[in-house]
Amino acid sequence: QRFAPVFSGYQQHDAQEFLRKLLE
């Protein structure tokens, strides 16, 4: 969440977008 604030909270997100951001 610090690296990518868009994933803050508990909303649902696209798994592929999360994977890409995590790997980056």
PDB file of all heavy atoms in Angstrom:
ATOM      1  N   GLN A   1       0.827  -1.209   0.000  1.00  0.00           N
ATOM      2  CA  GLN A   1       0.000   0.000   0.000  1.00  0.00           C
ATOM      3  C   GLN A   1       0.864   1.262   0.000  1.00  0.00           C
ATOM      4  O   GLN A   1       0.481   2.270  -0.586  1.00  0.00           O
ATOM      5  CB  GLN A   1      -0.936  -0.003   1.217  1.00  0.00           C
ATOM      6  CG  GLN A   1      -2.068  -1.014   1.098  1.00  0.00           C
ATOM      7  CD  GLN A   1      -2.914  -1.093   2.353  1.00  0.00           C
ATOM      8  OE1 GLN A   1      -3.982  -1.679   2.364  1.00  0.00           O
ATOM      9  NE2 GLN A   1      -2.435  -0.497   3.440  1.00  0.00           N
ATOM     10  N   ARG A   2       2.008   1.188   0.657  1.00  0.00           N
ATOM     11  CA  ARG A   2       2.939   2.324   0.610  1.00  0.00           C
ATOM     12  C   ARG A   2       3.464   2.519  -0.804  1.00  0.00           C
ATOM     13  O   ARG A   2       3.559   3.648  -1.285  1.00  0.00           O
ATOM     14  CB  ARG A   2       4.132   2.068   1.533  1.00  0.00           C
ATOM     15  CG  ARG A   2       3.934   2.410   2.995  1.00  0.00           C
ATOM     16  CD  ARG A   2       5.228   2.200   3.757  1.00  0.00           C
ATOM     17  NE  ARG A   2       6.319   2.985   3.183  1.00  0.00           N
ATOM     18  CZ  ARG A   2       7.603   2.614   3.198  1.00  0.00           C
ATOM     19  NH1 ARG A   2       7.959   1.457   3.745  1.00  0.00           N
ATOM     20  NH2 ARG A   2       8.531   3.400   2.673  1.00  0.00           N
ATOM     21  N   PHE A   3       3.816   1.412  -1.455  1.00  0.00           N
ATOM     22  CA  PHE A   3       4.371   1.499  -2.806  1.00  0.00           C
ATOM     23  C   PHE A   3       3.303   1.871  -3.829  1.00  0.00           C
ATOM     24  O   PHE A   3       3.555   2.657  -4.749  1.00  0.00           O
ATOM     25  CB  PHE A   3       5.013   0.161  -3.187  1.00  0.00           C
ATOM     26  CG  PHE A   3       5.590   0.151  -4.575  1.00  0.00           C
ATOM     27  CD1 PHE A   3       6.742   0.858  -4.863  1.00  0.00           C
ATOM     28  CD2 PHE A   3       4.974  -0.566  -5.599  1.00  0.00           C
ATOM     29  CE1 PHE A   3       7.282   0.858  -6.146  1.00  0.00           C
ATOM     30  CE2 PHE A   3       5.495  -0.572  -6.877  1.00  0.00           C
ATOM     31  CZ  PHE A   3       6.664   0.148  -7.149  1.00  0.00           C
ATOM     32  N   ALA A   4       2.110   1.313  -3.684  1.00  0.00           N
ATOM     33  CA  ALA A   4       1.012   1.548  -4.626  1.00  0.00           C
ATOM     34  C   ALA A   4      -0.252   1.852  -3.833  1.00  0.00           C
ATOM     35  O   ALA A   4      -1.033   0.939  -3.519  1.00  0.00           O
ATOM     36  CB  ALA A   4       0.815   0.332  -5.538  1.00  0.00           C
ATOM     37  N   PRO A   5      -0.485   3.104  -3.484  1.00  0.00           N
ATOM     38  CA  PRO A   5      -1.641   3.477  -2.652  1.00  0.00           C
ATOM     39  C   PRO A   5      -2.988   3.076  -3.233  1.00  0.00           C
ATOM     40  O   PRO A   5      -3.976   2.993  -2.496  1.00  0.00           O
ATOM     41  CB  PRO A   5      -1.520   5.007  -2.556  1.00  0.00           C
ATOM     42  CG  PRO A   5      -0.057   5.285  -2.756  1.00  0.00           C
ATOM     43  CD  PRO A   5       0.386   4.259  -3.745  1.00  0.00           C
ATOM     44  N   VAL A   6      -3.051   2.823  -4.542  1.00  0.00           N
ATOM     45  CA  VAL A   6      -4.315   2.424  -5.154  1.00  0.00           C
ATOM     46  C   VAL A   6      -4.849   1.136  -4.534  1.00  0.00           C
ATOM     47  O   VAL A   6      -6.071   0.880  -4.549  1.00  0.00           O
ATOM     48  CB  VAL A   6      -4.151   2.250  -6.678  1.00  0.00           C
ATOM     49  CG1 VAL A   6      -3.266   1.056  -7.011  1.00  0.00           C
ATOM     50  CG2 VAL A   6      -5.505   2.103  -7.360  1.00  0.00           C
ATOM     51  N   PHE A   7      -3.963   0.326  -3.944  1.00  0.00           N
ATOM     52  CA  PHE A   7      -4.378  -0.938  -3.337  1.00  0.00           C
ATOM     53  C   PHE A   7      -4.665  -0.799  -1.843  1.00  0.00           C
ATOM     54  O   PHE A   7      -4.770  -1.803  -1.136  1.00  0.00           O
ATOM     55  CB  PHE A   7      -3.325  -2.016  -3.574  1.00  0.00           C
ATOM     56  CG  PHE A   7      -3.119  -2.333  -5.028  1.00  0.00           C
ATOM     57  CD1 PHE A   7      -1.918  -2.009  -5.666  1.00  0.00           C
ATOM     58  CD2 PHE A   7      -4.121  -2.926  -5.775  1.00  0.00           C
ATOM     59  CE1 PHE A   7      -1.733  -2.284  -7.017  1.00  0.00           C
ATOM     60  CE2 PHE A   7      -3.942  -3.197  -7.120  1.00  0.00           C
ATOM     61  CZ  PHE A   7      -2.748  -2.874  -7.743  1.00  0.00           C
ATOM     62  N   SER A   8      -4.785   0.420  -1.366  1.00  0.00           N
ATOM     63  CA  SER A   8      -5.151   0.644   0.031  1.00  0.00           C
ATOM     64  C   SER A   8      -6.605   0.233   0.264  1.00  0.00           C
ATOM     65  O   SER A   8      -7.427   0.244  -0.655  1.00  0.00           O
ATOM     66  CB  SER A   8      -4.961   2.122   0.395  1.00  0.00           C
ATOM     67  OG  SER A   8      -3.611   2.509   0.257  1.00  0.00           O
ATOM     68  N   GLY A   9      -6.901  -0.085   1.499  1.00  0.00           N
ATOM     69  CA  GLY A   9      -8.262  -0.480   1.824  1.00  0.00           C
ATOM     70  C   GLY A   9      -8.543  -1.924   1.452  1.00  0.00           C
ATOM     71  O   GLY A   9      -7.624  -2.736   1.286  1.00  0.00           O
ATOM     72  N   TYR A  10      -9.828  -2.229   1.285  1.00  0.00           N
ATOM     73  CA  TYR A  10     -10.231  -3.615   1.049  1.00  0.00           C
ATOM     74  C   TYR A  10     -11.133  -3.758  -0.180  1.00  0.00           C
ATOM     75  O   TYR A  10     -11.904  -4.693  -0.293  1.00  0.00           O
ATOM     76  CB  TYR A  10     -10.936  -4.165   2.294  1.00  0.00           C
ATOM     77  CG  TYR A  10     -10.011  -4.247   3.488  1.00  0.00           C
ATOM     78  CD1 TYR A  10      -9.916  -3.180   4.378  1.00  0.00           C
ATOM     79  CD2 TYR A  10      -9.197  -5.360   3.692  1.00  0.00           C
ATOM     80  CE1 TYR A  10      -9.056  -3.233   5.462  1.00  0.00           C
ATOM     81  CE2 TYR A  10      -8.332  -5.420   4.767  1.00  0.00           C
ATOM     82  CZ  TYR A  10      -8.264  -4.360   5.657  1.00  0.00           C
ATOM     83  OH  TYR A  10      -7.398  -4.417   6.721  1.00  0.00           O
ATOM     84  N   GLN A  11     -11.011  -2.790  -1.109  1.00  0.00           N
ATOM     85  CA  GLN A  11     -11.771  -2.910  -2.345  1.00  0.00           C
ATOM     86  C   GLN A  11     -11.161  -4.001  -3.225  1.00  0.00           C
ATOM     87  O   GLN A  11      -9.989  -4.341  -3.102  1.00  0.00           O
ATOM     88  CB  GLN A  11     -11.768  -1.582  -3.110  1.00  0.00           C
ATOM     89  CG  GLN A  11     -12.390  -0.417  -2.363  1.00  0.00           C
ATOM     90  CD  GLN A  11     -11.360   0.330  -1.514  1.00  0.00           C
ATOM     91  OE1 GLN A  11     -10.251  -0.137  -1.355  1.00  0.00           O
ATOM     92  NE2 GLN A  11     -11.769   1.463  -0.984  1.00  0.00           N
ATOM     93  N   GLN A  12     -11.983  -4.519  -4.129  1.00  0.00           N
ATOM     94  CA  GLN A  12     -11.485  -5.511  -5.082  1.00  0.00           C
ATOM     95  C   GLN A  12     -10.753  -4.814  -6.228  1.00  0.00           C
ATOM     96  O   GLN A  12     -11.130  -3.717  -6.655  1.00  0.00           O
ATOM     97  CB  GLN A  12     -12.639  -6.345  -5.633  1.00  0.00           C
ATOM     98  CG  GLN A  12     -13.150  -7.396  -4.669  1.00  0.00           C
ATOM     99  CD  GLN A  12     -12.058  -8.379  -4.264  1.00  0.00           C
ATOM    100  OE1 GLN A  12     -11.349  -8.920  -5.102  1.00  0.00           O
ATOM    101  NE2 GLN A  12     -11.932  -8.621  -2.960  1.00  0.00           N
ATOM    102  N   HIS A  13      -9.694  -5.458  -6.716  1.00  0.00           N
ATOM    103  CA  HIS A  13      -8.916  -4.926  -7.825  1.00  0.00           C
ATOM    104  C   HIS A  13      -8.617  -6.052  -8.812  1.00  0.00           C
ATOM    105  O   HIS A  13      -8.789  -7.229  -8.509  1.00  0.00           O
ATOM    106  CB  HIS A  13      -7.606  -4.318  -7.324  1.00  0.00           C
ATOM    107  CG  HIS A  13      -7.779  -3.087  -6.490  1.00  0.00           C
ATOM    108  ND1 HIS A  13      -7.928  -1.836  -7.027  1.00  0.00           N
ATOM    109  CD2 HIS A  13      -7.829  -2.924  -5.132  1.00  0.00           C
ATOM    110  CE1 HIS A  13      -8.067  -0.943  -6.056  1.00  0.00           C
ATOM    111  NE2 HIS A  13      -8.006  -1.580  -4.898  1.00  0.00           N
ATOM    112  N   ASP A  14      -8.146  -5.656  -9.984  1.00  0.00           N
ATOM    113  CA  ASP A  14      -7.780  -6.620 -11.006  1.00  0.00           C
ATOM    114  C   ASP A  14      -6.491  -7.338 -10.601  1.00  0.00           C
ATOM    115  O   ASP A  14      -5.487  -6.681 -10.278  1.00  0.00           O
ATOM    116  CB  ASP A  14      -7.585  -5.902 -12.346  1.00  0.00           C
ATOM    117  CG  ASP A  14      -7.275  -6.867 -13.470  1.00  0.00           C
ATOM    118  OD1 ASP A  14      -8.210  -7.438 -14.032  1.00  0.00           O
ATOM    119  OD2 ASP A  14      -6.075  -7.041 -13.781  1.00  0.00           O
ATOM    120  N   ALA A  15      -6.513  -8.651 -10.601  1.00  0.00           N
ATOM    121  CA  ALA A  15      -5.354  -9.435 -10.152  1.00  0.00           C
ATOM    122  C   ALA A  15      -4.136  -9.185 -11.030  1.00  0.00           C
ATOM    123  O   ALA A  15      -3.000  -9.128 -10.536  1.00  0.00           O
ATOM    124  CB  ALA A  15      -5.691 -10.926 -10.134  1.00  0.00           C
ATOM    125  N   GLN A  16      -4.371  -9.029 -12.336  1.00  0.00           N
ATOM    126  CA  GLN A  16      -3.242  -8.796 -13.241  1.00  0.00           C
ATOM    127  C   GLN A  16      -2.566  -7.459 -12.954  1.00  0.00           C
ATOM    128  O   GLN A  16      -1.337  -7.342 -12.993  1.00  0.00           O
ATOM    129  CB  GLN A  16      -3.729  -8.855 -14.696  1.00  0.00           C
ATOM    130  CG  GLN A  16      -2.632  -8.761 -15.743  1.00  0.00           C
ATOM    131  CD  GLN A  16      -2.391  -7.317 -16.195  1.00  0.00           C
ATOM    132  OE1 GLN A  16      -3.245  -6.461 -15.988  1.00  0.00           O
ATOM    133  NE2 GLN A  16      -1.254  -7.075 -16.816  1.00  0.00           N
ATOM    134  N   GLU A  17      -3.355  -6.430 -12.653  1.00  0.00           N
ATOM    135  CA  GLU A  17      -2.797  -5.120 -12.327  1.00  0.00           C
ATOM    136  C   GLU A  17      -1.989  -5.196 -11.032  1.00  0.00           C
ATOM    137  O   GLU A  17      -0.920  -4.579 -10.918  1.00  0.00           O
ATOM    138  CB  GLU A  17      -3.913  -4.087 -12.196  1.00  0.00           C
ATOM    139  CG  GLU A  17      -4.619  -3.777 -13.509  1.00  0.00           C
ATOM    140  CD  GLU A  17      -5.769  -2.807 -13.332  1.00  0.00           C
ATOM    141  OE1 GLU A  17      -5.984  -2.361 -12.177  1.00  0.00           O
ATOM    142  OE2 GLU A  17      -6.445  -2.485 -14.323  1.00  0.00           O
ATOM    143  N   PHE A  18      -2.496  -5.944 -10.066  1.00  0.00           N
ATOM    144  CA  PHE A  18      -1.769  -6.105  -8.807  1.00  0.00           C
ATOM    145  C   PHE A  18      -0.466  -6.864  -9.025  1.00  0.00           C
ATOM    146  O   PHE A  18       0.584  -6.489  -8.484  1.00  0.00           O
ATOM    147  CB  PHE A  18      -2.640  -6.838  -7.788  1.00  0.00           C
ATOM    148  CG  PHE A  18      -1.937  -7.095  -6.482  1.00  0.00           C
ATOM    149  CD1 PHE A  18      -1.733  -6.070  -5.576  1.00  0.00           C
ATOM    150  CD2 PHE A  18      -1.472  -8.366  -6.170  1.00  0.00           C
ATOM    151  CE1 PHE A  18      -1.074  -6.300  -4.378  1.00  0.00           C
ATOM    152  CE2 PHE A  18      -0.814  -8.604  -4.967  1.00  0.00           C
ATOM    153  CZ  PHE A  18      -0.615  -7.563  -4.070  1.00  0.00           C
ATOM    154  N   LEU A  19      -0.516  -7.922  -9.816  1.00  0.00           N
ATOM    155  CA  LEU A  19       0.688  -8.701 -10.106  1.00  0.00           C
ATOM    156  C   LEU A  19       1.748  -7.827 -10.758  1.00  0.00           C
ATOM    157  O   LEU A  19       2.921  -7.851 -10.368  1.00  0.00           O
ATOM    158  CB  LEU A  19       0.343  -9.878 -11.021  1.00  0.00           C
ATOM    159  CG  LEU A  19       1.525 -10.673 -11.575  1.00  0.00           C
ATOM    160  CD1 LEU A  19       2.341 -11.298 -10.448  1.00  0.00           C
ATOM    161  CD2 LEU A  19       1.040 -11.747 -12.543  1.00  0.00           C
ATOM    162  N   ARG A  20       1.345  -7.050 -11.773  1.00  0.00           N
ATOM    163  CA  ARG A  20       2.294  -6.187 -12.465  1.00  0.00           C
ATOM    164  C   ARG A  20       2.928  -5.183 -11.498  1.00  0.00           C
ATOM    165  O   ARG A  20       4.139  -4.982 -11.514  1.00  0.00           O
ATOM    166  CB  ARG A  20       1.573  -5.442 -13.593  1.00  0.00           C
ATOM    167  CG  ARG A  20       2.408  -4.322 -14.236  1.00  0.00           C
ATOM    168  CD  ARG A  20       3.491  -4.849 -15.144  1.00  0.00           C
ATOM    169  NE  ARG A  20       2.920  -5.397 -16.339  1.00  0.00           N
ATOM    170  CZ  ARG A  20       2.630  -4.663 -17.429  1.00  0.00           C
ATOM    171  NH1 ARG A  20       2.846  -3.368 -17.431  1.00  0.00           N
ATOM    172  NH2 ARG A  20       2.141  -5.247 -18.500  1.00  0.00           N
ATOM    173  N   LYS A  21       2.105  -4.563 -10.666  1.00  0.00           N
ATOM    174  CA  LYS A  21       2.631  -3.554  -9.745  1.00  0.00           C
ATOM    175  C   LYS A  21       3.544  -4.179  -8.702  1.00  0.00           C
ATOM    176  O   LYS A  21       4.586  -3.610  -8.347  1.00  0.00           O
ATOM    177  CB  LYS A  21       1.473  -2.829  -9.054  1.00  0.00           C
ATOM    178  CG  LYS A  21       1.849  -1.452  -8.529  1.00  0.00           C
ATOM    179  CD  LYS A  21       2.215  -0.517  -9.668  1.00  0.00           C
ATOM    180  CE  LYS A  21       2.627   0.852  -9.163  1.00  0.00           C
ATOM    181  NZ  LYS A  21       3.063   1.747 -10.274  1.00  0.00           N
ATOM    182  N   LEU A  22       3.181  -5.357  -8.219  1.00  0.00           N
ATOM    183  CA  LEU A  22       4.018  -6.035  -7.235  1.00  0.00           C
ATOM    184  C   LEU A  22       5.372  -6.399  -7.832  1.00  0.00           C
ATOM    185  O   LEU A  22       6.419  -6.157  -7.218  1.00  0.00           O
ATOM    186  CB  LEU A  22       3.317  -7.289  -6.712  1.00  0.00           C
ATOM    187  CG  LEU A  22       4.138  -8.195  -5.786  1.00  0.00           C
ATOM    188  CD1 LEU A  22       4.660  -7.434  -4.582  1.00  0.00           C
ATOM    189  CD2 LEU A  22       3.310  -9.400  -5.344  1.00  0.00           C
ATOM    190  N   LEU A  23       5.372  -6.961  -9.034  1.00  0.00           N
ATOM    191  CA  LEU A  23       6.634  -7.332  -9.670  1.00  0.00           C
ATOM    192  C   LEU A  23       7.502  -6.099  -9.935  1.00  0.00           C
ATOM    193  O   LEU A  23       8.727  -6.136  -9.760  1.00  0.00           O
ATOM    194  CB  LEU A  23       6.373  -8.077 -10.982  1.00  0.00           C
ATOM    195  CG  LEU A  23       5.802  -9.491 -10.853  1.00  0.00           C
ATOM    196  CD1 LEU A  23       5.529 -10.078 -12.236  1.00  0.00           C
ATOM    197  CD2 LEU A  23       6.742 -10.400 -10.074  1.00  0.00           C
ATOM    198  N   GLU A  24       6.869  -5.005 -10.346  1.00  0.00           N
ATOM    199  CA  GLU A  24       7.621  -3.773 -10.577  1.00  0.00           C
ATOM    200  C   GLU A  24       8.242  -3.270  -9.278  1.00  0.00           C
ATOM    201  O   GLU A  24       9.381  -2.783  -9.262  1.00  0.00           O
ATOM    202  CB  GLU A  24       6.712  -2.704 -11.176  1.00  0.00           C
ATOM    203  CG  GLU A  24       6.328  -2.981 -12.625  1.00  0.00           C
ATOM    204  CD  GLU A  24       5.342  -1.959 -13.172  1.00  0.00           C
ATOM    205  OE1 GLU A  24       4.878  -1.102 -12.389  1.00  0.00           O
ATOM    206  OE2 GLU A  24       5.039  -2.004 -14.382  1.00  0.00           O
TER     207      GLU A  24
END
